[in-house]
C-alpha atoms as a PDB file:
ATOM      1  CA  MET A   1     -24.407  16.646  55.686  1.00  0.00           C
ATOM      2  CA  ASN A   2     -20.790  16.937  54.521  1.00  0.00           C
ATOM      3  CA  GLU A   3     -20.337  13.161  54.677  1.00  0.00           C
ATOM      4  CA  PHE A   4     -22.553  12.806  51.581  1.00  0.00           C
ATOM      5  CA  LEU A   5     -20.485  15.158  49.419  1.00  0.00           C
ATOM      6  CA  ILE A   6     -18.353  13.470  46.780  1.00  0.00           C
ATOM      7  CA  LYS A   7     -14.912  14.968  46.210  1.00  0.00           C
ATOM      8  CA  SER A   8     -14.097  15.282  42.538  1.00  0.00           C
ATOM      9  CA  GLY A   9     -10.329  15.544  42.986  1.00  0.00           C
ATOM     10  CA  ILE A  10      -7.554  15.594  45.523  1.00  0.00           C
ATOM     11  CA  ALA A  11      -4.819  18.218  45.458  1.00  0.00           C
ATOM     12  CA  LYS A  12      -1.247  17.018  45.744  1.00  0.00           C
ATOM     13  CA  GLY A  13      -0.144  16.452  49.314  1.00  0.00           C
ATOM     14  CA  GLU A  14      -3.711  16.515  50.591  1.00  0.00           C
ATOM     15  CA  GLY A  15      -5.643  13.654  52.157  1.00  0.00           C
ATOM     16  CA  ASN A  16      -4.585  10.269  53.449  1.00  0.00           C
ATOM     17  CA  TRP A  17      -2.065   7.886  51.910  1.00  0.00           C
ATOM     18  CA  TYR A  18      -4.686   6.118  49.778  1.00  0.00           C
ATOM     19  CA  SER A  19      -5.960   9.314  48.152  1.00  0.00           C
ATOM     20  CA  ARG A  20      -2.390  10.483  47.496  1.00  0.00           C
ATOM     21  CA  LEU A  21      -1.525   7.088  45.977  1.00  0.00           C
ATOM     22  CA  THR A  22      -4.567   6.986  43.701  1.00  0.00           C
ATOM     23  CA  SER A  23      -3.997  10.602  42.683  1.00  0.00           C
ATOM     24  CA  SER A  24      -0.386   9.806  41.825  1.00  0.00           C
ATOM     25  CA  LEU A  25      -1.313   6.655  39.889  1.00  0.00           C
ATOM     26  CA  TYR A  26      -4.020   8.512  37.969  1.00  0.00           C
ATOM     27  CA  GLU A  27      -1.615  11.308  37.062  1.00  0.00           C
ATOM     28  CA  ARG A  28       1.054   8.839  35.970  1.00  0.00           C
ATOM     29  CA  ASN A  29      -1.256   6.631  33.894  1.00  0.00           C
ATOM     30  CA  VAL A  30      -3.616   9.153  32.357  1.00  0.00           C
ATOM     31  CA  GLY A  31      -1.545  12.305  32.417  1.00  0.00           C
ATOM     32  CA  GLN A  32       1.677  10.847  31.098  1.00  0.00           C
ATOM     33  CA  LYS A  33       0.982   7.586  29.269  1.00  0.00           C
ATOM     34  CA  LEU A  34      -2.144   8.623  27.373  1.00  0.00           C
ATOM     35  CA  ASN A  35      -1.017  12.138  26.546  1.00  0.00           C
ATOM     36  CA  ASN A  36       1.174  11.160  23.579  1.00  0.00           C
ATOM     37  CA  PRO A  37       0.598   9.855  20.030  1.00  0.00           C
ATOM     38  CA  LEU A  38       0.507   6.193  21.122  1.00  0.00           C
ATOM     39  CA  GLY A  39      -2.064   7.057  23.788  1.00  0.00           C
ATOM     40  CA  TYR A  40      -4.187   8.879  21.212  1.00  0.00           C
ATOM     41  CA  ILE A  41      -4.084   5.806  18.968  1.00  0.00           C
ATOM     42  CA  ALA A  42      -4.946   3.548  21.915  1.00  0.00           C
ATOM     43  CA  LEU A  43      -8.020   5.682  22.611  1.00  0.00           C
ATOM     44  CA  ALA A  44      -9.012   6.158  18.958  1.00  0.00           C
ATOM     45  CA  LEU A  45      -8.987   2.479  17.970  1.00  0.00           C
ATOM     46  CA  PRO A  46     -11.751   1.322  20.346  1.00  0.00           C
ATOM     47  CA  SER A  47     -13.871   4.342  19.446  1.00  0.00           C
ATOM     48  CA  LEU A  48     -13.463   3.612  15.730  1.00  0.00           C
ATOM     49  CA  LEU A  49     -14.339  -0.038  16.344  1.00  0.00           C
ATOM     50  CA  ILE A  50     -17.495   0.932  18.225  1.00  0.00           C
ATOM     51  CA  ALA A  51     -18.421   3.423  15.499  1.00  0.00           C
ATOM     52  CA  TYR A  52     -17.976   0.725  12.841  1.00  0.00           C
ATOM     53  CA  ILE A  53     -20.113  -1.757  14.804  1.00  0.00           C
ATOM     54  CA  VAL A  54     -22.875   0.824  15.271  1.00  0.00           C
ATOM     55  CA  SER A  55     -22.799   1.797  11.579  1.00  0.00           C
ATOM     56  CA  LYS A  56     -23.117  -1.842  10.477  1.00  0.00           C
ATOM     57  CA  MET A  57     -25.545  -3.169  13.081  1.00  0.00           C
ATOM     58  CA  GLY A  58     -27.739  -0.156  13.803  1.00  0.00           C
ATOM     59  CA  PHE A  59     -28.809   2.237  16.492  1.00  0.00           C
ATOM     60  CA  ALA A  60     -30.132  -0.407  18.890  1.00  0.00           C
ATOM     61  CA  VAL A  61     -26.723  -2.081  19.139  1.00  0.00           C
ATOM     62  CA  GLY A  62     -25.191   1.336  19.824  1.00  0.00           C
ATOM     63  CA  VAL A  63     -27.606   1.892  22.693  1.00  0.00           C
ATOM     64  CA  VAL A  64     -26.735  -1.538  24.110  1.00  0.00           C
ATOM     65  CA  ILE A  65     -22.993  -0.817  23.863  1.00  0.00           C
ATOM     66  CA  LEU A  66     -23.493   2.560  25.544  1.00  0.00           C
ATOM     67  CA  ALA A  67     -25.576   0.946  28.291  1.00  0.00           C
ATOM     68  CA  ILE A  68     -22.797  -1.598  28.899  1.00  0.00           C
ATOM     69  CA  ILE A  69     -20.064   1.056  28.930  1.00  0.00           C
ATOM     70  CA  ILE A  70     -21.963   3.238  31.408  1.00  0.00           C
ATOM     71  CA  GLY A  71     -24.044   0.668  33.285  1.00  0.00           C
ATOM     72  CA  LEU A  72     -21.447  -1.878  34.344  1.00  0.00           C
ATOM     73  CA  PRO A  73     -19.096   0.564  36.092  1.00  0.00           C
ATOM     74  CA  LEU A  74     -22.021   2.315  37.785  1.00  0.00           C
ATOM     75  CA  THR A  75     -23.356  -1.017  39.009  1.00  0.00           C
ATOM     76  CA  PHE A  76     -20.042  -2.099  40.495  1.00  0.00           C
ATOM     77  CA  VAL A  77     -19.393   1.282  42.105  1.00  0.00           C
ATOM     78  CA  ALA A  78     -22.915   1.321  43.574  1.00  0.00           C
ATOM     79  CA  MET A  79     -22.394  -2.170  45.011  1.00  0.00           C
ATOM     80  CA  PHE A  80     -19.185  -1.313  46.838  1.00  0.00           C
ATOM     81  CA  TYR A  81     -19.733   2.369  47.811  1.00  0.00           C
ATOM     82  CA  LEU A  82     -22.980   2.634  49.709  1.00  0.00           C
ATOM     83  CA  LYS A  83     -23.211   6.437  49.729  1.00  0.00           C
ATOM     84  CA  PHE A  84     -22.765   6.581  45.959  1.00  0.00           C
ATOM     85  CA  GLY A  85     -25.301   3.777  45.475  1.00  0.00           C
ATOM     86  CA  ILE A  86     -27.940   5.523  47.555  1.00  0.00           C
ATOM     87  CA  SER A  87     -27.263   8.821  45.760  1.00  0.00           C
ATOM     88  CA  LEU A  88     -27.548   7.052  42.398  1.00  0.00           C
ATOM     89  CA  ILE A  89     -30.884   5.511  43.365  1.00  0.00           C
ATOM     90  CA  ILE A  90     -32.222   8.916  44.459  1.00  0.00           C
ATOM     91  CA  VAL A  91     -31.110  10.594  41.215  1.00  0.00           C
ATOM     92  CA  PHE A  92     -32.556   7.788  39.058  1.00  0.00           C
ATOM     93  CA  HIS A  93     -35.807   7.946  40.968  1.00  0.00           C
ATOM     94  CA  PHE A  94     -36.040  11.699  40.461  1.00  0.00           C
ATOM     95  CA  PHE A  95     -35.559  11.457  36.691  1.00  0.00           C
ATOM     96  CA  PHE A  96     -37.428   8.221  35.954  1.00  0.00           C
ATOM     97  CA  SER A  97     -40.407   8.350  38.317  1.00  0.00           C
ATOM     98  CA  GLU A  98     -43.820   9.157  36.959  1.00  0.00           C
END
């Protein structure tokens, strides 16, 4: 049953070379580059743009934007990682079945 568990993070020095590489890249890109004033601006501008679009065009456009932001990554991850895709289908079925 442990093969279906999803690890949320990898400690430094743990795991294979790929997990160490992705952990290092994540720490370098998110932890260092976005944790400064320029990173805050880079994250605030798209959120302000989306807020402006939603305020001008309405709630329905906001729901569509949110569906795109959440739905596209979930779709691609579910296509390439079978265990995650099956888990996602089970969770969706639990919440959206009659």
